[in-house]
PDB file of all heavy atoms in Angstrom:
ATOM      1  N   PRO A   1       0.819  -1.228   0.000  1.00  0.00           N
ATOM      2  CA  PRO A   1       0.000   0.000   0.000  1.00  0.00           C
ATOM      3  C   PRO A   1       0.846   1.269   0.000  1.00  0.00           C
ATOM      4  O   PRO A   1       0.470   2.261  -0.632  1.00  0.00           O
ATOM      5  CB  PRO A   1      -0.817  -0.124   1.295  1.00  0.00           C
ATOM      6  CG  PRO A   1      -0.885  -1.587   1.564  1.00  0.00           C
ATOM      7  CD  PRO A   1       0.441  -2.116   1.127  1.00  0.00           C
ATOM      8  N   GLN A   2       1.984   1.234   0.691  1.00  0.00           N
ATOM      9  CA  GLN A   2       2.857   2.411   0.707  1.00  0.00           C
ATOM     10  C   GLN A   2       3.391   2.715  -0.698  1.00  0.00           C
ATOM     11  O   GLN A   2       3.510   3.887  -1.082  1.00  0.00           O
ATOM     12  CB  GLN A   2       4.041   2.181   1.668  1.00  0.00           C
ATOM     13  CG  GLN A   2       3.640   2.206   3.130  1.00  0.00           C
ATOM     14  CD  GLN A   2       3.240   0.848   3.646  1.00  0.00           C
ATOM     15  OE1 GLN A   2       2.700   0.032   2.913  1.00  0.00           O
ATOM     16  NE2 GLN A   2       3.494   0.595   4.928  1.00  0.00           N
ATOM     17  N   ILE A   3       3.708   1.666  -1.473  1.00  0.00           N
ATOM     18  CA  ILE A   3       4.187   1.876  -2.846  1.00  0.00           C
ATOM     19  C   ILE A   3       3.097   2.529  -3.684  1.00  0.00           C
ATOM     20  O   ILE A   3       3.365   3.456  -4.473  1.00  0.00           O
ATOM     21  CB  ILE A   3       4.634   0.543  -3.470  1.00  0.00           C
ATOM     22  CG1 ILE A   3       5.807  -0.058  -2.689  1.00  0.00           C
ATOM     23  CG2 ILE A   3       5.011   0.748  -4.941  1.00  0.00           C
ATOM     24  CD1 ILE A   3       7.056   0.766  -2.719  1.00  0.00           C
ATOM     25  N   TYR A   4       1.858   2.063  -3.533  1.00  0.00           N
ATOM     26  CA  TYR A   4       0.740   2.687  -4.256  1.00  0.00           C
ATOM     27  C   TYR A   4       0.643   4.176  -3.915  1.00  0.00           C
ATOM     28  O   TYR A   4       0.498   5.029  -4.804  1.00  0.00           O
ATOM     29  CB  TYR A   4      -0.572   1.998  -3.892  1.00  0.00           C
ATOM     30  CG  TYR A   4      -0.850   0.723  -4.629  1.00  0.00           C
ATOM     31  CD1 TYR A   4      -0.489  -0.507  -4.099  1.00  0.00           C
ATOM     32  CD2 TYR A   4      -1.498   0.726  -5.872  1.00  0.00           C
ATOM     33  CE1 TYR A   4      -0.748  -1.690  -4.766  1.00  0.00           C
ATOM     34  CE2 TYR A   4      -1.763  -0.459  -6.542  1.00  0.00           C
ATOM     35  CZ  TYR A   4      -1.388  -1.659  -5.990  1.00  0.00           C
ATOM     36  OH  TYR A   4      -1.651  -2.822  -6.662  1.00  0.00           O
ATOM     37  N   ARG A   5       0.712   4.484  -2.626  1.00  0.00           N
ATOM     38  CA  ARG A   5       0.525   5.880  -2.205  1.00  0.00           C
ATOM     39  C   ARG A   5       1.701   6.749  -2.625  1.00  0.00           C
ATOM     40  O   ARG A   5       1.519   7.898  -3.043  1.00  0.00           O
ATOM     41  CB  ARG A   5       0.317   5.931  -0.692  1.00  0.00           C
ATOM     42  CG  ARG A   5      -0.969   5.241  -0.237  1.00  0.00           C
ATOM     43  CD  ARG A   5      -1.295   5.569   1.191  1.00  0.00           C
ATOM     44  NE  ARG A   5      -0.414   4.942   2.152  1.00  0.00           N
ATOM     45  CZ  ARG A   5      -0.656   3.786   2.758  1.00  0.00           C
ATOM     46  NH1 ARG A   5      -1.764   3.095   2.477  1.00  0.00           N
ATOM     47  NH2 ARG A   5       0.188   3.289   3.643  1.00  0.00           N
ATOM     48  N   ILE A   6       2.919   6.223  -2.540  1.00  0.00           N
ATOM     49  CA  ILE A   6       4.093   7.005  -2.940  1.00  0.00           C
ATOM     50  C   ILE A   6       4.050   7.303  -4.430  1.00  0.00           C
ATOM     51  O   ILE A   6       4.232   8.455  -4.865  1.00  0.00           O
ATOM     52  CB  ILE A   6       5.392   6.261  -2.574  1.00  0.00           C
ATOM     53  CG1 ILE A   6       5.588   6.259  -1.053  1.00  0.00           C
ATOM     54  CG2 ILE A   6       6.593   6.906  -3.255  1.00  0.00           C
ATOM     55  CD1 ILE A   6       6.728   5.384  -0.585  1.00  0.00           C
ATOM     56  N   PHE A   7       3.803   6.277  -5.245  1.00  0.00           N
ATOM     57  CA  PHE A   7       3.798   6.495  -6.690  1.00  0.00           C
ATOM     58  C   PHE A   7       2.592   7.323  -7.119  1.00  0.00           C
ATOM     59  O   PHE A   7       2.682   8.122  -8.063  1.00  0.00           O
ATOM     60  CB  PHE A   7       3.828   5.157  -7.430  1.00  0.00           C
ATOM     61  CG  PHE A   7       5.225   4.652  -7.667  1.00  0.00           C
ATOM     62  CD1 PHE A   7       5.892   3.950  -6.681  1.00  0.00           C
ATOM     63  CD2 PHE A   7       5.878   4.912  -8.849  1.00  0.00           C
ATOM     64  CE1 PHE A   7       7.183   3.502  -6.867  1.00  0.00           C
ATOM     65  CE2 PHE A   7       7.175   4.470  -9.057  1.00  0.00           C
ATOM     66  CZ  PHE A   7       7.826   3.759  -8.063  1.00  0.00           C
ATOM     67  N   GLY A   8       1.455   7.146  -6.438  1.00  0.00           N
ATOM     68  CA  GLY A   8       0.312   7.997  -6.742  1.00  0.00           C
ATOM     69  C   GLY A   8       0.630   9.453  -6.493  1.00  0.00           C
ATOM     70  O   GLY A   8       0.307  10.324  -7.310  1.00  0.00           O
ATOM     71  N   ALA A   9       1.300   9.732  -5.360  1.00  0.00           N
ATOM     72  CA  ALA A   9       1.660  11.116  -5.042  1.00  0.00           C
ATOM     73  C   ALA A   9       2.707  11.658  -6.016  1.00  0.00           C
ATOM     74  O   ALA A   9       2.621  12.805  -6.468  1.00  0.00           O
ATOM     75  CB  ALA A   9       2.179  11.196  -3.608  1.00  0.00           C
ATOM     76  N   LEU A  10       3.701  10.832  -6.366  1.00  0.00           N
ATOM     77  CA  LEU A  10       4.734  11.287  -7.303  1.00  0.00           C
ATOM     78  C   LEU A  10       4.145  11.608  -8.674  1.00  0.00           C
ATOM     79  O   LEU A  10       4.470  12.640  -9.280  1.00  0.00           O
ATOM     80  CB  LEU A  10       5.813  10.209  -7.447  1.00  0.00           C
ATOM     81  CG  LEU A  10       6.749   9.999  -6.253  1.00  0.00           C
ATOM     82  CD1 LEU A  10       7.676   8.822  -6.516  1.00  0.00           C
ATOM     83  CD2 LEU A  10       7.569  11.248  -5.973  1.00  0.00           C
ATOM     84  N   ILE A  11       3.278  10.710  -9.160  1.00  0.00           N
ATOM     85  CA  ILE A  11       2.683  10.924 -10.480  1.00  0.00           C
ATOM     86  C   ILE A  11       1.739  12.127 -10.462  1.00  0.00           C
ATOM     87  O   ILE A  11       1.484  12.740 -11.501  1.00  0.00           O
ATOM     88  CB  ILE A  11       1.946   9.645 -10.934  1.00  0.00           C
ATOM     89  CG1 ILE A  11       2.953   8.494 -11.082  1.00  0.00           C
ATOM     90  CG2 ILE A  11       1.225   9.850 -12.260  1.00  0.00           C
ATOM     91  CD1 ILE A  11       2.306   7.140 -11.306  1.00  0.00           C
ATOM     92  N   LEU A  12       1.234  12.492  -9.295  1.00  0.00           N
ATOM     93  CA  LEU A  12       0.390  13.681  -9.181  1.00  0.00           C
ATOM     94  C   LEU A  12       1.222  14.960  -9.094  1.00  0.00           C
ATOM     95  O   LEU A  12       0.956  15.940  -9.803  1.00  0.00           O
ATOM     96  CB  LEU A  12      -0.499  13.559  -7.944  1.00  0.00           C
ATOM     97  CG  LEU A  12      -1.413  14.749  -7.647  1.00  0.00           C
ATOM     98  CD1 LEU A  12      -2.480  14.891  -8.731  1.00  0.00           C
ATOM     99  CD2 LEU A  12      -2.058  14.612  -6.273  1.00  0.00           C
ATOM    100  N   PHE A  13       2.247  14.950  -8.252  1.00  0.00           N
ATOM    101  CA  PHE A  13       2.983  16.181  -7.975  1.00  0.00           C
ATOM    102  C   PHE A  13       3.929  16.579  -9.107  1.00  0.00           C
ATOM    103  O   PHE A  13       4.118  17.780  -9.355  1.00  0.00           O
ATOM    104  CB  PHE A  13       3.779  16.046  -6.676  1.00  0.00           C
ATOM    105  CG  PHE A  13       2.948  16.245  -5.446  1.00  0.00           C
ATOM    106  CD1 PHE A  13       2.846  15.245  -4.489  1.00  0.00           C
ATOM    107  CD2 PHE A  13       2.265  17.422  -5.236  1.00  0.00           C
ATOM    108  CE1 PHE A  13       2.081  15.425  -3.358  1.00  0.00           C
ATOM    109  CE2 PHE A  13       1.489  17.611  -4.101  1.00  0.00           C
ATOM    110  CZ  PHE A  13       1.398  16.608  -3.159  1.00  0.00           C
ATOM    111  N   ILE A  14       4.538  15.611  -9.769  1.00  0.00           N
ATOM    112  CA  ILE A  14       5.493  15.954 -10.822  1.00  0.00           C
ATOM    113  C   ILE A  14       4.821  16.732 -11.954  1.00  0.00           C
ATOM    114  O   ILE A  14       5.349  17.775 -12.391  1.00  0.00           O
ATOM    115  CB  ILE A  14       6.219  14.699 -11.334  1.00  0.00           C
ATOM    116  CG1 ILE A  14       7.148  14.160 -10.226  1.00  0.00           C
ATOM    117  CG2 ILE A  14       7.019  14.999 -12.596  1.00  0.00           C
ATOM    118  CD1 ILE A  14       7.828  12.855 -10.566  1.00  0.00           C
ATOM    119  N   PRO A  15       3.652  16.299 -12.481  1.00  0.00           N
ATOM    120  CA  PRO A  15       2.991  17.131 -13.500  1.00  0.00           C
ATOM    121  C   PRO A  15       2.591  18.516 -12.981  1.00  0.00           C
ATOM    122  O   PRO A  15       2.694  19.507 -13.716  1.00  0.00           O
ATOM    123  CB  PRO A  15       1.746  16.317 -13.874  1.00  0.00           C
ATOM    124  CG  PRO A  15       2.093  14.912 -13.529  1.00  0.00           C
ATOM    125  CD  PRO A  15       2.966  15.004 -12.323  1.00  0.00           C
ATOM    126  N   ILE A  16       2.140  18.579 -11.722  1.00  0.00           N
ATOM    127  CA  ILE A  16       1.774  19.887 -11.163  1.00  0.00           C
ATOM    128  C   ILE A  16       3.006  20.788 -11.084  1.00  0.00           C
ATOM    129  O   ILE A  16       2.942  21.981 -11.409  1.00  0.00           O
ATOM    130  CB  ILE A  16       1.127  19.713  -9.777  1.00  0.00           C
ATOM    131  CG1 ILE A  16      -0.233  19.016  -9.916  1.00  0.00           C
ATOM    132  CG2 ILE A  16       0.959  21.060  -9.084  1.00  0.00           C
ATOM    133  CD1 ILE A  16      -0.904  18.722  -8.587  1.00  0.00           C
ATOM    134  N   LEU A  17       4.137  20.222 -10.678  1.00  0.00           N
ATOM    135  CA  LEU A  17       5.376  21.000 -10.597  1.00  0.00           C
ATOM    136  C   LEU A  17       5.804  21.485 -11.982  1.00  0.00           C
ATOM    137  O   LEU A  17       6.232  22.631 -12.145  1.00  0.00           O
ATOM    138  CB  LEU A  17       6.478  20.153  -9.964  1.00  0.00           C
ATOM    139  CG  LEU A  17       7.816  20.842  -9.691  1.00  0.00           C
ATOM    140  CD1 LEU A  17       7.640  22.005  -8.718  1.00  0.00           C
ATOM    141  CD2 LEU A  17       8.832  19.850  -9.155  1.00  0.00           C
ATOM    142  N   ILE A  18       5.657  20.625 -12.986  1.00  0.00           N
ATOM    143  CA  ILE A  18       6.011  21.015 -14.358  1.00  0.00           C
ATOM    144  C   ILE A  18       5.091  22.131 -14.853  1.00  0.00           C
ATOM    145  O   ILE A  18       5.542  23.148 -15.405  1.00  0.00           O
ATOM    146  CB  ILE A  18       5.932  19.794 -15.297  1.00  0.00           C
ATOM    147  CG1 ILE A  18       7.030  18.785 -14.941  1.00  0.00           C
ATOM    148  CG2 ILE A  18       6.056  20.228 -16.758  1.00  0.00           C
ATOM    149  CD1 ILE A  18       6.914  17.473 -15.683  1.00  0.00           C
ATOM    150  N   LEU A  19       3.784  21.958 -14.642  1.00  0.00           N
ATOM    151  CA  LEU A  19       2.823  22.943 -15.130  1.00  0.00           C
ATOM    152  C   LEU A  19       2.912  24.268 -14.375  1.00  0.00           C
ATOM    153  O   LEU A  19       2.515  25.312 -14.905  1.00  0.00           O
ATOM    154  CB  LEU A  19       1.407  22.377 -15.025  1.00  0.00           C
ATOM    155  CG  LEU A  19       1.088  21.249 -16.014  1.00  0.00           C
ATOM    156  CD1 LEU A  19      -0.211  20.552 -15.635  1.00  0.00           C
ATOM    157  CD2 LEU A  19       1.008  21.786 -17.437  1.00  0.00           C
ATOM    158  N   SER A  20       3.426  24.232 -13.155  1.00  0.00           N
ATOM    159  CA  SER A  20       3.580  25.479 -12.407  1.00  0.00           C
ATOM    160  C   SER A  20       4.677  26.363 -12.996  1.00  0.00           C
ATOM    161  O   SER A  20       4.781  27.539 -12.632  1.00  0.00           O
ATOM    162  CB  SER A  20       3.887  25.175 -10.938  1.00  0.00           C
ATOM    163  OG  SER A  20       5.166  24.589 -10.797  1.00  0.00           O
ATOM    164  N   HIS A  21       5.470  25.799 -13.933  1.00  0.00           N
ATOM    165  CA  HIS A  21       6.511  26.590 -14.599  1.00  0.00           C
ATOM    166  C   HIS A  21       6.415  26.511 -16.122  1.00  0.00           C
ATOM    167  O   HIS A  21       7.229  27.119 -16.819  1.00  0.00           O
ATOM    168  CB  HIS A  21       7.900  26.102 -14.168  1.00  0.00           C
ATOM    169  CG  HIS A  21       8.173  26.310 -12.717  1.00  0.00           C
ATOM    170  ND1 HIS A  21       7.812  25.398 -11.744  1.00  0.00           N
ATOM    171  CD2 HIS A  21       8.759  27.348 -12.059  1.00  0.00           C
ATOM    172  CE1 HIS A  21       8.176  25.854 -10.556  1.00  0.00           C
ATOM    173  NE2 HIS A  21       8.735  27.026 -10.715  1.00  0.00           N
ATOM    174  N   TRP A  22       5.422  25.756 -16.623  1.00  0.00           N
ATOM    175  CA  TRP A  22       5.281  25.602 -18.073  1.00  0.00           C
ATOM    176  C   TRP A  22       3.790  25.532 -18.409  1.00  0.00           C
ATOM    177  O   TRP A  22       3.228  24.472 -18.647  1.00  0.00           O
ATOM    178  CB  TRP A  22       6.006  24.338 -18.540  1.00  0.00           C
ATOM    179  CG  TRP A  22       5.949  24.114 -20.023  1.00  0.00           C
ATOM    180  CD1 TRP A  22       6.292  24.976 -21.008  1.00  0.00           C
ATOM    181  CD2 TRP A  22       5.495  22.911 -20.670  1.00  0.00           C
ATOM    182  NE1 TRP A  22       6.095  24.402 -22.246  1.00  0.00           N
ATOM    183  CE2 TRP A  22       5.614  23.130 -22.066  1.00  0.00           C
ATOM    184  CE3 TRP A  22       5.030  21.685 -20.214  1.00  0.00           C
ATOM    185  CZ2 TRP A  22       5.264  22.167 -23.002  1.00  0.00           C
ATOM    186  CZ3 TRP A  22       4.686  20.725 -21.146  1.00  0.00           C
ATOM    187  CH2 TRP A  22       4.800  20.970 -22.526  1.00  0.00           C
ATOM    188  N   GLY A  23       3.156  26.686 -18.386  1.00  0.00           N
ATOM    189  CA  GLY A  23       1.721  26.736 -18.623  1.00  0.00           C
ATOM    190  C   GLY A  23       1.320  26.322 -20.019  1.00  0.00           C
ATOM    191  O   GLY A  23       0.167  25.928 -20.255  1.00  0.00           O
ATOM    192  N   ALA A  24       2.265  26.360 -20.978  1.00  0.00           N
ATOM    193  CA  ALA A  24       1.937  25.996 -22.359  1.00  0.00           C
ATOM    194  C   ALA A  24       1.563  24.527 -22.499  1.00  0.00           C
ATOM    195  O   ALA A  24       0.947  24.140 -23.494  1.00  0.00           O
ATOM    196  CB  ALA A  24       3.122  26.329 -23.274  1.00  0.00           C
ATOM    197  N   GLY A  25       1.931  23.701 -21.511  1.00  0.00           N
ATOM    198  CA  GLY A  25       1.617  22.276 -21.597  1.00  0.00           C
ATOM    199  C   GLY A  25       0.243  21.915 -21.096  1.00  0.00           C
ATOM    200  O   GLY A  25      -0.119  20.732 -21.082  1.00  0.00           O
ATOM    201  N   SER A  26      -0.555  22.895 -20.702  1.00  0.00           N
ATOM    202  CA  SER A  26      -1.872  22.634 -20.126  1.00  0.00           C
ATOM    203  C   SER A  26      -2.963  22.641 -21.188  1.00  0.00           C
ATOM    204  O   SER A  26      -2.839  23.275 -22.243  1.00  0.00           O
ATOM    205  CB  SER A  26      -2.195  23.685 -19.059  1.00  0.00           C
ATOM    206  OG  SER A  26      -3.514  23.525 -18.586  1.00  0.00           O
ATOM    207  N   TYR A  27      -4.033  21.924 -20.892  1.00  0.00           N
ATOM    208  CA  TYR A  27      -5.227  21.960 -21.740  1.00  0.00           C
ATOM    209  C   TYR A  27      -6.060  23.220 -21.493  1.00  0.00           C
ATOM    210  O   TYR A  27      -6.935  23.551 -22.292  1.00  0.00           O
ATOM    211  CB  TYR A  27      -6.120  20.743 -21.460  1.00  0.00           C
ATOM    212  CG  TYR A  27      -5.583  19.434 -21.977  1.00  0.00           C
ATOM    213  CD1 TYR A  27      -5.231  18.408 -21.098  1.00  0.00           C
ATOM    214  CD2 TYR A  27      -5.450  19.198 -23.339  1.00  0.00           C
ATOM    215  CE1 TYR A  27      -4.758  17.199 -21.564  1.00  0.00           C
ATOM    216  CE2 TYR A  27      -4.972  17.985 -23.819  1.00  0.00           C
ATOM    217  CZ  TYR A  27      -4.633  16.992 -22.923  1.00  0.00           C
ATOM    218  OH  TYR A  27      -4.163  15.786 -23.395  1.00  0.00           O
ATOM    219  N   LEU A  28      -5.834  23.894 -20.372  1.00  0.00           N
ATOM    220  CA  LEU A  28      -6.672  25.025 -19.992  1.00  0.00           C
ATOM    221  C   LEU A  28      -6.516  26.183 -20.976  1.00  0.00           C
ATOM    222  O   LEU A  28      -5.398  26.523 -21.395  1.00  0.00           O
ATOM    223  CB  LEU A  28      -6.309  25.496 -18.579  1.00  0.00           C
ATOM    224  CG  LEU A  28      -6.527  24.472 -17.462  1.00  0.00           C
ATOM    225  CD1 LEU A  28      -6.051  25.039 -16.136  1.00  0.00           C
ATOM    226  CD2 LEU A  28      -7.999  24.073 -17.373  1.00  0.00           C
ATOM    227  N   ASP A  29      -7.637  26.790 -21.329  1.00  0.00           N
ATOM    228  CA  ASP A  29      -7.641  27.908 -22.279  1.00  0.00           C
ATOM    229  C   ASP A  29      -7.474  29.225 -21.510  1.00  0.00           C
ATOM    230  O   ASP A  29      -8.379  30.059 -21.441  1.00  0.00           O
ATOM    231  CB  ASP A  29      -8.942  27.903 -23.085  1.00  0.00           C
ATOM    232  CG  ASP A  29      -8.914  28.930 -24.215  1.00  0.00           C
ATOM    233  OD1 ASP A  29      -7.814  29.377 -24.571  1.00  0.00           O
ATOM    234  OD2 ASP A  29     -10.002  29.271 -24.725  1.00  0.00           O
ATOM    235  N   LEU A  30      -6.281  29.377 -20.918  1.00  0.00           N
ATOM    236  CA  LEU A  30      -5.961  30.569 -20.145  1.00  0.00           C
ATOM    237  C   LEU A  30      -4.566  31.042 -20.524  1.00  0.00           C
ATOM    238  O   LEU A  30      -3.798  30.324 -21.175  1.00  0.00           O
ATOM    239  CB  LEU A  30      -6.007  30.261 -18.636  1.00  0.00           C
ATOM    240  CG  LEU A  30      -7.348  29.802 -18.043  1.00  0.00           C
ATOM    241  CD1 LEU A  30      -7.136  29.366 -16.600  1.00  0.00           C
ATOM    242  CD2 LEU A  30      -8.387  30.906 -18.130  1.00  0.00           C
ATOM    243  N   ALA A  31      -4.240  32.234 -20.100  1.00  0.00           N
ATOM    244  CA  ALA A  31      -2.886  32.742 -20.308  1.00  0.00           C
ATOM    245  C   ALA A  31      -1.896  31.875 -19.528  1.00  0.00           C
ATOM    246  O   ALA A  31      -2.208  31.361 -18.448  1.00  0.00           O
ATOM    247  CB  ALA A  31      -2.789  34.192 -19.850  1.00  0.00           C
ATOM    248  N   ASN A  32      -0.700  31.711 -20.056  1.00  0.00           N
ATOM    249  CA  ASN A  32       0.297  30.845 -19.430  1.00  0.00           C
ATOM    250  C   ASN A  32       0.596  31.263 -17.993  1.00  0.00           C
ATOM    251  O   ASN A  32       0.749  30.417 -17.097  1.00  0.00           O
ATOM    252  CB  ASN A  32       1.582  30.843 -20.246  1.00  0.00           C
ATOM    253  CG  ASN A  32       1.430  30.065 -21.544  1.00  0.00           C
ATOM    254  OD1 ASN A  32       0.461  29.324 -21.722  1.00  0.00           O
ATOM    255  ND2 ASN A  32       2.375  30.232 -22.460  1.00  0.00           N
ATOM    256  N   ASP A  33       0.686  32.566 -17.748  1.00  0.00           N
ATOM    257  CA  ASP A  33       0.968  33.037 -16.390  1.00  0.00           C
ATOM    258  C   ASP A  33      -0.139  32.639 -15.425  1.00  0.00           C
ATOM    259  O   ASP A  33       0.131  32.258 -14.274  1.00  0.00           O
ATOM    260  CB  ASP A  33       1.143  34.559 -16.382  1.00  0.00           C
ATOM    261  CG  ASP A  33       2.426  34.997 -17.077  1.00  0.00           C
ATOM    262  OD1 ASP A  33       3.313  34.139 -17.241  1.00  0.00           O
ATOM    263  OD2 ASP A  33       2.531  36.179 -17.439  1.00  0.00           O
ATOM    264  N   ASN A  34      -1.389  32.713 -15.890  1.00  0.00           N
ATOM    265  CA  ASN A  34      -2.512  32.329 -15.031  1.00  0.00           C
ATOM    266  C   ASN A  34      -2.508  30.833 -14.748  1.00  0.00           C
ATOM    267  O   ASN A  34      -2.801  30.390 -13.630  1.00  0.00           O
ATOM    268  CB  ASN A  34      -3.834  32.729 -15.688  1.00  0.00           C
ATOM    269  CG  ASN A  34      -4.002  34.229 -15.790  1.00  0.00           C
ATOM    270  OD1 ASN A  34      -3.398  34.981 -15.021  1.00  0.00           O
ATOM    271  ND2 ASN A  34      -4.802  34.693 -16.745  1.00  0.00           N
ATOM    272  N   ILE A  35      -2.169  30.033 -15.756  1.00  0.00           N
ATOM    273  CA  ILE A  35      -2.103  28.581 -15.571  1.00  0.00           C
ATOM    274  C   ILE A  35      -1.002  28.228 -14.575  1.00  0.00           C
ATOM    275  O   ILE A  35      -1.195  27.416 -13.666  1.00  0.00           O
ATOM    276  CB  ILE A  35      -1.862  27.884 -16.923  1.00  0.00           C
ATOM    277  CG1 ILE A  35      -3.076  28.070 -17.838  1.00  0.00           C
ATOM    278  CG2 ILE A  35      -1.580  26.403 -16.719  1.00  0.00           C
ATOM    279  CD1 ILE A  35      -2.853  27.570 -19.246  1.00  0.00           C
ATOM    280  N   GLU A  36       0.144  28.851 -14.735  1.00  0.00           N
ATOM    281  CA  GLU A  36       1.262  28.579 -13.827  1.00  0.00           C
ATOM    282  C   GLU A  36       0.914  28.982 -12.406  1.00  0.00           C
ATOM    283  O   GLU A  36       1.209  28.254 -11.446  1.00  0.00           O
ATOM    284  CB  GLU A  36       2.505  29.311 -14.320  1.00  0.00           C
ATOM    285  CG  GLU A  36       3.040  28.757 -15.634  1.00  0.00           C
ATOM    286  CD  GLU A  36       4.113  29.622 -16.248  1.00  0.00           C
ATOM    287  OE1 GLU A  36       4.519  30.622 -15.589  1.00  0.00           O
ATOM    288  OE2 GLU A  36       4.559  29.329 -17.382  1.00  0.00           O
TER     289      GLU A  36
END
């Protein structure tokens, strides 16, 4: 269960960390600064 939770958290946080500095990779129809 710990492996499930660790990898679930990693797979969640890494994309959020990337999108917080690269808004162009988002599906959202907003300005990049707003997405970040």
